[in-house]
Amino acid sequence: MYINQSLTFLEQVIIAVADRKREHVPFRQSKLTHVLKNSIGGNCNTVMIANIWGESAQLEETISTLRFGTRMMCVANEPLQNVHKQWYQRRVRGTEICLRISINK
Protein backbone atom coordinates (compact mmCIF):
# COMPACT_ATOMS: atom_id res chain seq x y z
CA MET A 1 0.00 0.00 0.00
CA TYR A 2 2.74 2.48 0.93
CA ILE A 3 4.79 1.93 -2.24
CA ASN A 4 1.75 2.61 -4.42
CA GLN A 5 0.98 5.76 -2.43
CA SER A 6 4.60 6.93 -2.75
CA LEU A 7 4.57 6.28 -6.49
CA THR A 8 1.34 8.26 -6.80
CA PHE A 9 2.97 11.18 -4.98
CA LEU A 10 6.06 10.80 -7.20
CA GLU A 11 3.87 11.09 -10.27
CA GLN A 12 2.24 14.23 -8.87
CA VAL A 13 5.67 15.76 -8.27
CA ILE A 14 6.81 14.94 -11.80
CA ILE A 15 3.68 16.50 -13.27
CA ALA A 16 4.26 19.62 -11.16
CA VAL A 17 7.94 19.90 -12.11
CA ALA A 18 7.19 19.42 -15.81
CA ASP A 19 4.62 22.24 -15.70
CA ARG A 20 6.73 25.41 -15.88
CA LYS A 21 3.81 27.65 -14.83
CA ARG A 22 3.34 25.89 -11.50
CA GLU A 23 4.90 27.59 -8.49
CA HIS A 24 4.55 24.88 -5.83
CA VAL A 25 5.96 21.36 -6.14
CA PRO A 26 4.72 18.96 -3.41
CA PHE A 27 8.07 17.30 -2.52
CA ARG A 28 7.13 16.74 1.15
CA GLN A 29 4.13 14.49 0.52
CA SER A 30 6.16 11.31 0.96
CA LYS A 31 9.63 10.22 2.03
CA LEU A 32 10.38 9.05 -1.52
CA THR A 33 9.69 12.42 -3.12
CA HIS A 34 11.51 14.27 -0.35
CA VAL A 35 14.62 12.11 -0.82
CA LEU A 36 14.50 12.53 -4.62
CA LYS A 37 13.99 16.31 -4.45
CA ASN A 38 17.43 17.21 -5.85
CA SER A 39 17.28 14.49 -8.50
CA ILE A 40 13.95 15.52 -9.97
CA GLY A 41 14.28 18.87 -11.67
CA GLY A 42 17.16 19.84 -9.44
CA ASN A 43 20.91 20.09 -9.66
CA CYS A 44 21.64 16.51 -10.77
CA ASN A 45 21.92 14.40 -13.87
CA THR A 46 19.09 11.88 -13.57
CA VAL A 47 18.48 8.66 -15.46
CA MET A 48 15.19 6.81 -15.39
CA ILE A 49 15.08 3.17 -16.40
CA ALA A 50 11.63 1.87 -17.32
CA ASN A 51 11.20 -1.89 -17.05
CA ILE A 52 8.45 -3.17 -19.31
CA TRP A 53 7.08 -6.63 -20.01
CA GLY A 54 6.26 -7.77 -23.53
CA GLU A 55 3.55 -10.19 -22.46
CA SER A 56 -0.08 -9.35 -23.28
CA ALA A 57 -1.18 -10.07 -19.71
CA GLN A 58 1.03 -7.16 -18.55
CA LEU A 59 -0.10 -4.71 -21.25
CA GLU A 60 -1.82 -2.30 -18.85
CA GLU A 61 1.26 -2.04 -16.60
CA THR A 62 3.54 -1.62 -19.62
CA ILE A 63 1.43 1.24 -21.01
CA SER A 64 1.32 2.89 -17.57
CA THR A 65 5.12 2.64 -17.28
CA LEU A 66 5.65 4.10 -20.75
CA ARG A 67 3.32 7.03 -19.97
CA PHE A 68 5.26 7.67 -16.77
CA GLY A 69 8.53 7.62 -18.74
CA THR A 70 7.09 10.08 -21.24
CA ARG A 71 6.18 12.46 -18.43
CA MET A 72 9.71 12.09 -17.00
CA MET A 73 11.12 13.18 -20.35
CA CYS A 74 9.40 16.57 -19.86
CA VAL A 75 11.39 17.27 -16.69
CA ALA A 76 14.38 19.52 -17.40
CA ASN A 77 17.40 19.45 -15.10
CA GLU A 78 20.16 22.03 -15.05
CA PRO A 79 23.13 20.36 -13.35
CA LEU A 80 25.84 22.69 -12.08
CA GLN A 81 29.13 21.96 -10.43
CA ASN A 82 28.86 22.44 -6.70
CA VAL A 83 31.73 24.70 -5.68
CA HIS A 84 31.73 26.34 -2.28
CA LYS A 85 33.25 29.75 -2.76
CA GLN A 86 34.75 30.04 0.74
CA TRP A 87 36.36 26.59 0.55
CA TYR A 88 37.77 27.40 -2.89
CA GLN A 89 39.18 30.74 -1.67
CA ARG A 90 40.79 29.08 1.36
CA ARG A 91 42.24 26.38 -0.88
CA VAL A 92 43.72 28.99 -3.26
CA ARG A 93 45.15 31.01 -0.34
CA GLY A 94 46.71 27.88 1.14
CA THR A 95 48.33 27.02 -2.19
CA GLU A 96 49.53 30.60 -2.57
CA ILE A 97 51.15 30.51 0.90
CA CYS A 98 52.86 27.18 0.08
CA LEU A 99 54.20 28.64 -3.16
CA ARG A 100 55.55 31.71 -1.36
CA ILE A 101 57.29 29.55 1.23
CA SER A 102 58.91 27.35 -1.42
CA ILE A 103 60.05 30.40 -3.46
CA ASN A 104 61.60 32.03 -0.40
CA LYS A 105 63.62 28.90 0.47
PDB file of N, CA and C in Angstrom:
ATOM      1  N   MET A   1       0.815  -1.194   0.000  1.00  0.00           N
ATOM      2  CA  MET A   1       0.000   0.000   0.000  1.00  0.00           C
ATOM      3  C   MET A   1       0.862   1.264   0.000  1.00  0.00           C
ATOM      4  N   TYR A   2       1.932   1.281   0.828  1.00  0.00           N
ATOM      5  CA  TYR A   2       2.741   2.484   0.931  1.00  0.00           C
ATOM      6  C   TYR A   2       3.539   2.760  -0.333  1.00  0.00           C
ATOM      7  N   ILE A   3       4.016   1.698  -1.009  1.00  0.00           N
ATOM      8  CA  ILE A   3       4.789   1.930  -2.237  1.00  0.00           C
ATOM      9  C   ILE A   3       3.898   2.502  -3.325  1.00  0.00           C
ATOM     10  N   ASN A   4       2.665   2.045  -3.429  1.00  0.00           N
ATOM     11  CA  ASN A   4       1.753   2.607  -4.422  1.00  0.00           C
ATOM     12  C   ASN A   4       1.424   4.062  -4.114  1.00  0.00           C
ATOM     13  N   GLN A   5       1.257   4.381  -2.837  1.00  0.00           N
ATOM     14  CA  GLN A   5       0.982   5.758  -2.430  1.00  0.00           C
ATOM     15  C   GLN A   5       2.184   6.648  -2.735  1.00  0.00           C
ATOM     16  N   SER A   6       3.386   6.166  -2.455  1.00  0.00           N
ATOM     17  CA  SER A   6       4.597   6.934  -2.748  1.00  0.00           C
ATOM     18  C   SER A   6       4.767   7.148  -4.244  1.00  0.00           C
ATOM     19  N   LEU A   7       4.462   6.132  -5.038  1.00  0.00           N
ATOM     20  CA  LEU A   7       4.567   6.279  -6.492  1.00  0.00           C
ATOM     21  C   LEU A   7       3.529   7.253  -7.027  1.00  0.00           C
ATOM     22  N   THR A   8       2.354   7.278  -6.413  1.00  0.00           N
ATOM     23  CA  THR A   8       1.336   8.258  -6.803  1.00  0.00           C
ATOM     24  C   THR A   8       1.831   9.670  -6.506  1.00  0.00           C
ATOM     25  N   PHE A   9       2.423   9.875  -5.330  1.00  0.00           N
ATOM     26  CA  PHE A   9       2.970  11.184  -4.984  1.00  0.00           C
ATOM     27  C   PHE A   9       4.147  11.547  -5.902  1.00  0.00           C
ATOM     28  N   LEU A  10       4.956  10.559  -6.270  1.00  0.00           N
ATOM     29  CA  LEU A  10       6.064  10.798  -7.195  1.00  0.00           C
ATOM     30  C   LEU A  10       5.533  11.276  -8.542  1.00  0.00           C
ATOM     31  N   GLU A  11       4.471  10.663  -9.007  1.00  0.00           N
ATOM     32  CA  GLU A  11       3.866  11.086 -10.273  1.00  0.00           C
ATOM     33  C   GLU A  11       3.336  12.514 -10.174  1.00  0.00           C
ATOM     34  N   GLN A  12       2.726  12.867  -9.056  1.00  0.00           N
ATOM     35  CA  GLN A  12       2.238  14.231  -8.869  1.00  0.00           C
ATOM     36  C   GLN A  12       3.386  15.244  -8.884  1.00  0.00           C
ATOM     37  N   VAL A  13       4.503  14.874  -8.275  1.00  0.00           N
ATOM     38  CA  VAL A  13       5.674  15.759  -8.266  1.00  0.00           C
ATOM     39  C   VAL A  13       6.212  15.938  -9.679  1.00  0.00           C
ATOM     40  N   ILE A  14       6.288  14.863 -10.432  1.00  0.00           N
ATOM     41  CA  ILE A  14       6.814  14.942 -11.801  1.00  0.00           C
ATOM     42  C   ILE A  14       5.907  15.796 -12.679  1.00  0.00           C
ATOM     43  N   ILE A  15       4.614  15.659 -12.514  1.00  0.00           N
ATOM     44  CA  ILE A  15       3.685  16.500 -13.272  1.00  0.00           C
ATOM     45  C   ILE A  15       3.871  17.964 -12.893  1.00  0.00           C
ATOM     46  N   ALA A  16       4.057  18.245 -11.608  1.00  0.00           N
ATOM     47  CA  ALA A  16       4.256  19.622 -11.155  1.00  0.00           C
ATOM     48  C   ALA A  16       5.574  20.207 -11.650  1.00  0.00           C
ATOM     49  N   VAL A  17       6.636  19.407 -11.647  1.00  0.00           N
ATOM     50  CA  VAL A  17       7.943  19.896 -12.108  1.00  0.00           C
ATOM     51  C   VAL A  17       7.930  20.129 -13.620  1.00  0.00           C
ATOM     52  N   ALA A  18       7.247  19.281 -14.357  1.00  0.00           N
ATOM     53  CA  ALA A  18       7.190  19.420 -15.810  1.00  0.00           C
ATOM     54  C   ALA A  18       6.382  20.640 -16.231  1.00  0.00           C
ATOM     55  N   ASP A  19       5.439  21.068 -15.400  1.00  0.00           N
ATOM     56  CA  ASP A  19       4.617  22.239 -15.704  1.00  0.00           C
ATOM     57  C   ASP A  19       5.366  23.490 -15.256  1.00  0.00           C
ATOM     58  N   ARG A  20       5.897  24.228 -16.191  1.00  0.00           N
ATOM     59  CA  ARG A  20       6.726  25.410 -15.881  1.00  0.00           C
ATOM     60  C   ARG A  20       5.938  26.535 -15.205  1.00  0.00           C
ATOM     61  N   LYS A  21       4.628  26.575 -15.390  1.00  0.00           N
ATOM     62  CA  LYS A  21       3.811  27.650 -14.829  1.00  0.00           C
ATOM     63  C   LYS A  21       3.489  27.426 -13.356  1.00  0.00           C
ATOM     64  N   ARG A  22       3.706  26.240 -12.874  1.00  0.00           N
ATOM     65  CA  ARG A  22       3.344  25.892 -11.504  1.00  0.00           C
ATOM     66  C   ARG A  22       4.413  26.392 -10.533  1.00  0.00           C
ATOM     67  N   GLU A  23       3.968  27.023  -9.468  1.00  0.00           N
ATOM     68  CA  GLU A  23       4.901  27.586  -8.493  1.00  0.00           C
ATOM     69  C   GLU A  23       5.268  26.608  -7.386  1.00  0.00           C
ATOM     70  N   HIS A  24       4.315  25.788  -6.952  1.00  0.00           N
ATOM     71  CA  HIS A  24       4.555  24.884  -5.826  1.00  0.00           C
ATOM     72  C   HIS A  24       4.703  23.446  -6.316  1.00  0.00           C
ATOM     73  N   VAL A  25       5.749  22.782  -5.847  1.00  0.00           N
ATOM     74  CA  VAL A  25       5.960  21.362  -6.141  1.00  0.00           C
ATOM     75  C   VAL A  25       5.873  20.609  -4.808  1.00  0.00           C
ATOM     76  N   PRO A  26       4.958  19.633  -4.703  1.00  0.00           N
ATOM     77  CA  PRO A  26       4.724  18.958  -3.413  1.00  0.00           C
ATOM     78  C   PRO A  26       5.751  17.872  -3.084  1.00  0.00           C
ATOM     79  N   PHE A  27       7.008  18.260  -2.826  1.00  0.00           N
ATOM     80  CA  PHE A  27       8.066  17.298  -2.525  1.00  0.00           C
ATOM     81  C   PHE A  27       7.873  16.619  -1.169  1.00  0.00           C
ATOM     82  N   ARG A  28       7.210  17.258  -0.219  1.00  0.00           N
ATOM     83  CA  ARG A  28       7.126  16.743   1.147  1.00  0.00           C
ATOM     84  C   ARG A  28       5.951  15.802   1.383  1.00  0.00           C
ATOM     85  N   GLN A  29       5.270  15.376   0.339  1.00  0.00           N
ATOM     86  CA  GLN A  29       4.126  14.487   0.520  1.00  0.00           C
ATOM     87  C   GLN A  29       4.532  13.082   0.953  1.00  0.00           C
ATOM     88  N   SER A  30       5.705  12.643   0.551  1.00  0.00           N
ATOM     89  CA  SER A  30       6.161  11.310   0.957  1.00  0.00           C
ATOM     90  C   SER A  30       7.673  11.329   1.145  1.00  0.00           C
ATOM     91  N   LYS A  31       8.185  10.317   1.817  1.00  0.00           N
ATOM     92  CA  LYS A  31       9.627  10.215   2.026  1.00  0.00           C
ATOM     93  C   LYS A  31      10.353  10.043   0.699  1.00  0.00           C
ATOM     94  N   LEU A  32       9.756   9.292  -0.213  1.00  0.00           N
ATOM     95  CA  LEU A  32      10.378   9.047  -1.515  1.00  0.00           C
ATOM     96  C   LEU A  32      10.584  10.341  -2.280  1.00  0.00           C
ATOM     97  N   THR A  33       9.558  11.172  -2.365  1.00  0.00           N
ATOM     98  CA  THR A  33       9.685  12.421  -3.119  1.00  0.00           C
ATOM     99  C   THR A  33      10.609  13.405  -2.411  1.00  0.00           C
ATOM    100  N   HIS A  34      10.619  13.375  -1.084  1.00  0.00           N
ATOM    101  CA  HIS A  34      11.510  14.269  -0.348  1.00  0.00           C
ATOM    102  C   HIS A  34      12.978  13.882  -0.569  1.00  0.00           C
ATOM    103  N   VAL A  35      13.255  12.586  -0.597  1.00  0.00           N
ATOM    104  CA  VAL A  35      14.624  12.108  -0.823  1.00  0.00           C
ATOM    105  C   VAL A  35      15.073  12.417  -2.254  1.00  0.00           C
ATOM    106  N   LEU A  36      14.158  12.312  -3.208  1.00  0.00           N
ATOM    107  CA  LEU A  36      14.497  12.530  -4.618  1.00  0.00           C
ATOM    108  C   LEU A  36      14.398  13.989  -5.055  1.00  0.00           C
ATOM    109  N   LYS A  37      14.211  14.898  -4.129  1.00  0.00           N
ATOM    110  CA  LYS A  37      13.995  16.314  -4.447  1.00  0.00           C
ATOM    111  C   LYS A  37      15.078  16.885  -5.363  1.00  0.00           C
ATOM    112  N   ASN A  38      16.337  16.659  -5.042  1.00  0.00           N
ATOM    113  CA  ASN A  38      17.428  17.212  -5.853  1.00  0.00           C
ATOM    114  C   ASN A  38      17.606  16.486  -7.185  1.00  0.00           C
ATOM    115  N   SER A  39      17.130  15.262  -7.260  1.00  0.00           N
ATOM    116  CA  SER A  39      17.276  14.489  -8.498  1.00  0.00           C
ATOM    117  C   SER A  39      16.203  14.809  -9.526  1.00  0.00           C
ATOM    118  N   ILE A  40      15.052  15.233  -9.056  1.00  0.00           N
ATOM    119  CA  ILE A  40      13.948  15.518  -9.969  1.00  0.00           C
ATOM    120  C   ILE A  40      13.883  17.018 -10.204  1.00  0.00           C
ATOM    121  N   GLY A  41      14.346  17.458 -11.351  1.00  0.00           N
ATOM    122  CA  GLY A  41      14.284  18.870 -11.675  1.00  0.00           C
ATOM    123  C   GLY A  41      15.244  19.717 -10.877  1.00  0.00           C
ATOM    124  N   GLY A  42      16.223  19.113 -10.283  1.00  0.00           N
ATOM    125  CA  GLY A  42      17.159  19.845  -9.441  1.00  0.00           C
ATOM    126  C   GLY A  42      18.525  19.985 -10.064  1.00  0.00           C
ATOM    127  N   ASN A  43      19.538  19.857  -9.251  1.00  0.00           N
ATOM    128  CA  ASN A  43      20.914  20.090  -9.659  1.00  0.00           C
ATOM    129  C   ASN A  43      21.650  18.762  -9.859  1.00  0.00           C
ATOM    130  N   CYS A  44      21.033  17.823 -10.559  1.00  0.00           N
ATOM    131  CA  CYS A  44      21.635  16.510 -10.766  1.00  0.00           C
ATOM    132  C   CYS A  44      21.352  16.001 -12.176  1.00  0.00           C
ATOM    133  N   ASN A  45      22.235  15.176 -12.672  1.00  0.00           N
ATOM    134  CA  ASN A  45      21.918  14.404 -13.866  1.00  0.00           C
ATOM    135  C   ASN A  45      21.125  13.190 -13.403  1.00  0.00           C
ATOM    136  N   THR A  46      19.976  12.956 -14.002  1.00  0.00           N
ATOM    137  CA  THR A  46      19.089  11.884 -13.568  1.00  0.00           C
ATOM    138  C   THR A  46      18.784  10.959 -14.724  1.00  0.00           C
ATOM    139  N   VAL A  47      18.814   9.672 -14.462  1.00  0.00           N
ATOM    140  CA  VAL A  47      18.479   8.660 -15.462  1.00  0.00           C
ATOM    141  C   VAL A  47      17.310   7.853 -14.929  1.00  0.00           C
ATOM    142  N   MET A  48      16.316   7.656 -15.776  1.00  0.00           N
ATOM    143  CA  MET A  48      15.188   6.806 -15.391  1.00  0.00           C
ATOM    144  C   MET A  48      15.208   5.575 -16.276  1.00  0.00           C
ATOM    145  N   ILE A  49      15.121   4.429 -15.660  1.00  0.00           N
ATOM    146  CA  ILE A  49      15.079   3.169 -16.398  1.00  0.00           C
ATOM    147  C   ILE A  49      13.678   2.600 -16.229  1.00  0.00           C
ATOM    148  N   ALA A  50      12.991   2.412 -17.344  1.00  0.00           N
ATOM    149  CA  ALA A  50      11.628   1.870 -17.315  1.00  0.00           C
ATOM    150  C   ALA A  50      11.682   0.394 -17.693  1.00  0.00           C
ATOM    151  N   ASN A  51      11.255  -0.451 -16.784  1.00  0.00           N
ATOM    152  CA  ASN A  51      11.203  -1.888 -17.051  1.00  0.00           C
ATOM    153  C   ASN A  51       9.809  -2.244 -17.543  1.00  0.00           C
ATOM    154  N   ILE A  52       9.747  -2.803 -18.740  1.00  0.00           N
ATOM    155  CA  ILE A  52       8.453  -3.174 -19.306  1.00  0.00           C
ATOM    156  C   ILE A  52       8.452  -4.656 -19.629  1.00  0.00           C
ATOM    157  N   TRP A  53       7.259  -5.205 -19.754  1.00  0.00           N
ATOM    158  CA  TRP A  53       7.079  -6.627 -20.012  1.00  0.00           C
ATOM    159  C   TRP A  53       6.345  -6.773 -21.331  1.00  0.00           C
ATOM    160  N   GLY A  54       6.843  -7.608 -22.203  1.00  0.00           N
ATOM    161  CA  GLY A  54       6.256  -7.768 -23.530  1.00  0.00           C
ATOM    162  C   GLY A  54       5.084  -8.726 -23.597  1.00  0.00           C
ATOM    163  N   GLU A  55       4.632  -9.219 -22.485  1.00  0.00           N
ATOM    164  CA  GLU A  55       3.546 -10.190 -22.456  1.00  0.00           C
ATOM    165  C   GLU A  55       2.193  -9.470 -22.454  1.00  0.00           C
ATOM    166  N   SER A  56       1.223 -10.021 -23.161  1.00  0.00           N
ATOM    167  CA  SER A  56      -0.077  -9.353 -23.284  1.00  0.00           C
ATOM    168  C   SER A  56      -0.806  -9.244 -21.946  1.00  0.00           C
ATOM    169  N   ALA A  57      -0.542 -10.135 -21.020  1.00  0.00           N
ATOM    170  CA  ALA A  57      -1.180 -10.069 -19.706  1.00  0.00           C
ATOM    171  C   ALA A  57      -0.706  -8.838 -18.915  1.00  0.00           C
ATOM    172  N   GLN A  58       0.453  -8.308 -19.245  1.00  0.00           N
ATOM    173  CA  GLN A  58       1.029  -7.161 -18.545  1.00  0.00           C
ATOM    174  C   GLN A  58       0.902  -5.864 -19.355  1.00  0.00           C
ATOM    175  N   LEU A  59       0.026  -5.851 -20.346  1.00  0.00           N
ATOM    176  CA  LEU A  59      -0.101  -4.709 -21.254  1.00  0.00           C
ATOM    177  C   LEU A  59      -0.474  -3.421 -20.516  1.00  0.00           C
ATOM    178  N   GLU A  60      -1.384  -3.491 -19.584  1.00  0.00           N
ATOM    179  CA  GLU A  60      -1.822  -2.303 -18.852  1.00  0.00           C
ATOM    180  C   GLU A  60      -0.670  -1.687 -18.046  1.00  0.00           C
ATOM    181  N   GLU A  61       0.104  -2.527 -17.368  1.00  0.00           N
ATOM    182  CA  GLU A  61       1.258  -2.041 -16.599  1.00  0.00           C
ATOM    183  C   GLU A  61       2.327  -1.459 -17.518  1.00  0.00           C
ATOM    184  N   THR A  62       2.537  -2.091 -18.666  1.00  0.00           N
ATOM    185  CA  THR A  62       3.536  -1.616 -19.623  1.00  0.00           C
ATOM    186  C   THR A  62       3.154  -0.239 -20.150  1.00  0.00           C
ATOM    187  N   ILE A  63       1.893  -0.058 -20.504  1.00  0.00           N
ATOM    188  CA  ILE A  63       1.432   1.237 -21.010  1.00  0.00           C
ATOM    189  C   ILE A  63       1.553   2.299 -19.924  1.00  0.00           C
ATOM    190  N   SER A  64       1.200   1.960 -18.693  1.00  0.00           N
ATOM    191  CA  SER A  64       1.321   2.892 -17.573  1.00  0.00           C
ATOM    192  C   SER A  64       2.777   3.306 -17.360  1.00  0.00           C
ATOM    193  N   THR A  65       3.694   2.351 -17.448  1.00  0.00           N
ATOM    194  CA  THR A  65       5.124   2.637 -17.279  1.00  0.00           C
ATOM    195  C   THR A  65       5.634   3.535 -18.399  1.00  0.00           C
ATOM    196  N   LEU A  66       5.216   3.282 -19.619  1.00  0.00           N
ATOM    197  CA  LEU A  66       5.646   4.104 -20.749  1.00  0.00           C
ATOM    198  C   LEU A  66       5.092   5.527 -20.655  1.00  0.00           C
ATOM    199  N   ARG A  67       3.883   5.677 -20.176  1.00  0.00           N
ATOM    200  CA  ARG A  67       3.316   7.026 -19.973  1.00  0.00           C
ATOM    201  C   ARG A  67       4.109   7.774 -18.900  1.00  0.00           C
ATOM    202  N   PHE A  68       4.461   7.061 -17.836  1.00  0.00           N
ATOM    203  CA  PHE A  68       5.257   7.666 -16.771  1.00  0.00           C
ATOM    204  C   PHE A  68       6.622   8.105 -17.315  1.00  0.00           C
ATOM    205  N   GLY A  69       7.244   7.268 -18.121  1.00  0.00           N
ATOM    206  CA  GLY A  69       8.527   7.618 -18.740  1.00  0.00           C
ATOM    207  C   GLY A  69       8.414   8.823 -19.653  1.00  0.00           C
ATOM    208  N   THR A  70       7.312   8.929 -20.367  1.00  0.00           N
ATOM    209  CA  THR A  70       7.087  10.077 -21.243  1.00  0.00           C
ATOM    210  C   THR A  70       6.964  11.358 -20.425  1.00  0.00           C
ATOM    211  N   ARG A  71       6.273  11.286 -19.296  1.00  0.00           N
ATOM    212  CA  ARG A  71       6.176  12.463 -18.426  1.00  0.00           C
ATOM    213  C   ARG A  71       7.547  12.826 -17.847  1.00  0.00           C
ATOM    214  N   MET A  72       8.355  11.835 -17.527  1.00  0.00           N
ATOM    215  CA  MET A  72       9.708  12.095 -17.001  1.00  0.00           C
ATOM    216  C   MET A  72      10.576  12.807 -18.031  1.00  0.00           C
ATOM    217  N   MET A  73      10.338  12.531 -19.302  1.00  0.00           N
ATOM    218  CA  MET A  73      11.125  13.181 -20.350  1.00  0.00           C
ATOM    219  C   MET A  73      10.865  14.685 -20.398  1.00  0.00           C
ATOM    220  N   CYS A  74       9.739  15.134 -19.869  1.00  0.00           N
ATOM    221  CA  CYS A  74       9.396  16.566 -19.859  1.00  0.00           C
ATOM    222  C   CYS A  74      10.099  17.331 -18.742  1.00  0.00           C
ATOM    223  N   VAL A  75      10.704  16.626 -17.812  1.00  0.00           N
ATOM    224  CA  VAL A  75      11.395  17.272 -16.689  1.00  0.00           C
ATOM    225  C   VAL A  75      12.784  17.697 -17.155  1.00  0.00           C
ATOM    226  N   ALA A  76      13.079  18.987 -16.976  1.00  0.00           N
ATOM    227  CA  ALA A  76      14.381  19.515 -17.397  1.00  0.00           C
ATOM    228  C   ALA A  76      15.252  19.771 -16.175  1.00  0.00           C
ATOM    229  N   ASN A  77      16.430  19.219 -16.166  1.00  0.00           N
ATOM    230  CA  ASN A  77      17.402  19.449 -15.097  1.00  0.00           C
ATOM    231  C   ASN A  77      18.491  20.368 -15.604  1.00  0.00           C
ATOM    232  N   GLU A  78      19.039  21.158 -14.707  1.00  0.00           N
ATOM    233  CA  GLU A  78      20.159  22.034 -15.049  1.00  0.00           C
ATOM    234  C   GLU A  78      21.297  21.761 -14.068  1.00  0.00           C
ATOM    235  N   PRO A  79      22.067  20.687 -14.309  1.00  0.00           N
ATOM    236  CA  PRO A  79      23.132  20.359 -13.353  1.00  0.00           C
ATOM    237  C   PRO A  79      24.264  21.380 -13.399  1.00  0.00           C
ATOM    238  N   LEU A  80      24.716  21.758 -12.231  1.00  0.00           N
ATOM    239  CA  LEU A  80      25.836  22.685 -12.078  1.00  0.00           C
ATOM    240  C   LEU A  80      26.861  22.058 -11.160  1.00  0.00           C
ATOM    241  N   GLN A  81      28.091  22.455 -11.314  1.00  0.00           N
ATOM    242  CA  GLN A  81      29.129  21.955 -10.426  1.00  0.00           C
ATOM    243  C   GLN A  81      29.004  22.658  -9.084  1.00  0.00           C
ATOM    244  N   ASN A  82      28.970  21.880  -8.032  1.00  0.00           N
ATOM    245  CA  ASN A  82      28.858  22.443  -6.697  1.00  0.00           C
ATOM    246  C   ASN A  82      30.236  22.861  -6.208  1.00  0.00           C
ATOM    247  N   VAL A  83      30.465  24.164  -6.158  1.00  0.00           N
ATOM    248  CA  VAL A  83      31.729  24.702  -5.677  1.00  0.00           C
ATOM    249  C   VAL A  83      31.404  25.681  -4.567  1.00  0.00           C
ATOM    250  N   HIS A  84      31.931  25.429  -3.395  1.00  0.00           N
ATOM    251  CA  HIS A  84      31.728  26.338  -2.282  1.00  0.00           C
ATOM    252  C   HIS A  84      32.793  27.423  -2.364  1.00  0.00           C
ATOM    253  N   LYS A  85      32.348  28.634  -2.523  1.00  0.00           N
ATOM    254  CA  LYS A  85      33.253  29.754  -2.762  1.00  0.00           C
ATOM    255  C   LYS A  85      34.270  29.930  -1.633  1.00  0.00           C
ATOM    256  N   GLN A  86      33.834  29.848  -0.384  1.00  0.00           N
ATOM    257  CA  GLN A  86      34.754  30.038   0.735  1.00  0.00           C
ATOM    258  C   GLN A  86      35.814  28.940   0.768  1.00  0.00           C
ATOM    259  N   TRP A  87      35.410  27.688   0.548  1.00  0.00           N
ATOM    260  CA  TRP A  87      36.365  26.585   0.547  1.00  0.00           C
ATOM    261  C   TRP A  87      37.377  26.785  -0.572  1.00  0.00           C
ATOM    262  N   TYR A  88      36.896  27.194  -1.744  1.00  0.00           N
ATOM    263  CA  TYR A  88      37.774  27.403  -2.887  1.00  0.00           C
ATOM    264  C   TYR A  88      38.760  28.528  -2.600  1.00  0.00           C
ATOM    265  N   GLN A  89      38.291  29.626  -1.983  1.00  0.00           N
ATOM    266  CA  GLN A  89      39.179  30.745  -1.670  1.00  0.00           C
ATOM    267  C   GLN A  89      40.235  30.328  -0.649  1.00  0.00           C
ATOM    268  N   ARG A  90      39.824  29.547   0.370  1.00  0.00           N
ATOM    269  CA  ARG A  90      40.792  29.076   1.363  1.00  0.00           C
ATOM    270  C   ARG A  90      41.818  28.165   0.707  1.00  0.00           C
ATOM    271  N   ARG A  91      41.350  27.324  -0.192  1.00  0.00           N
ATOM    272  CA  ARG A  91      42.243  26.381  -0.880  1.00  0.00           C
ATOM    273  C   ARG A  91      43.257  27.153  -1.723  1.00  0.00           C
ATOM    274  N   VAL A  92      42.811  28.186  -2.434  1.00  0.00           N
ATOM    275  CA  VAL A  92      43.716  28.995  -3.258  1.00  0.00           C
ATOM    276  C   VAL A  92      44.712  29.729  -2.369  1.00  0.00           C
ATOM    277  N   ARG A  93      44.245  30.309  -1.261  1.00  0.00           N
ATOM    278  CA  ARG A  93      45.152  31.013  -0.341  1.00  0.00           C
ATOM    279  C   ARG A  93      46.194  30.063   0.232  1.00  0.00           C
ATOM    280  N   GLY A  94      45.775  28.857   0.597  1.00  0.00           N
ATOM    281  CA  GLY A  94      46.710  27.876   1.138  1.00  0.00           C
ATOM    282  C   GLY A  94      47.771  27.498   0.125  1.00  0.00           C
ATOM    283  N   THR A  95      47.377  27.337  -1.131  1.00  0.00           N
ATOM    284  CA  THR A  95      48.334  27.017  -2.193  1.00  0.00           C
ATOM    285  C   THR A  95      49.271  28.194  -2.429  1.00  0.00           C
ATOM    286  N   GLU A  96      48.727  29.400  -2.370  1.00  0.00           N
ATOM    287  CA  GLU A  96      49.527  30.603  -2.567  1.00  0.00           C
ATOM    288  C   GLU A  96      50.582  30.721  -1.466  1.00  0.00           C
ATOM    289  N   ILE A  97      50.212  30.447  -0.227  1.00  0.00           N
ATOM    290  CA  ILE A  97      51.155  30.510   0.898  1.00  0.00           C
ATOM    291  C   ILE A  97      52.243  29.455   0.716  1.00  0.00           C
ATOM    292  N   CYS A  98      51.868  28.237   0.315  1.00  0.00           N
ATOM    293  CA  CYS A  98      52.861  27.178   0.085  1.00  0.00           C
ATOM    294  C   CYS A  98      53.834  27.583  -1.015  1.00  0.00           C
ATOM    295  N   LEU A  99      53.322  28.207  -2.076  1.00  0.00           N
ATOM    296  CA  LEU A  99      54.198  28.644  -3.162  1.00  0.00           C
ATOM    297  C   LEU A  99      55.169  29.723  -2.687  1.00  0.00           C
ATOM    298  N   ARG A 100      54.681  30.661  -1.894  1.00  0.00           N
ATOM    299  CA  ARG A 100      55.546  31.711  -1.364  1.00  0.00           C
ATOM    300  C   ARG A 100      56.649  31.141  -0.489  1.00  0.00           C
ATOM    301  N   ILE A 101      56.302  30.172   0.344  1.00  0.00           N
ATOM    302  CA  ILE A 101      57.290  29.551   1.232  1.00  0.00           C
ATOM    303  C   ILE A 101      58.353  28.830   0.403  1.00  0.00           C
ATOM    304  N   SER A 102      57.930  28.078  -0.628  1.00  0.00           N
ATOM    305  CA  SER A 102      58.912  27.350  -1.418  1.00  0.00           C
ATOM    306  C   SER A 102      59.769  28.306  -2.274  1.00  0.00           C
ATOM    307  N   ILE A 103      59.240  29.426  -2.683  1.00  0.00           N
ATOM    308  CA  ILE A 103      60.045  30.399  -3.460  1.00  0.00           C
ATOM    309  C   ILE A 103      61.075  31.058  -2.564  1.00  0.00           C
ATOM    310  N   ASN A 104      60.693  31.380  -1.326  1.00  0.00           N
ATOM    311  CA  ASN A 104      61.598  32.034  -0.397  1.00  0.00           C
ATOM    312  C   ASN A 104      62.721  31.133   0.097  1.00  0.00           C
ATOM    313  N   LYS A 105      62.580  29.820  -0.001  1.00  0.00           N
ATOM    314  CA  LYS A 105      63.621  28.903   0.470  1.00  0.00           C
ATOM    315  C   LYS A 105      64.733  28.916  -0.462  1.00  0.00           C
TER     316      LYS A 105
END
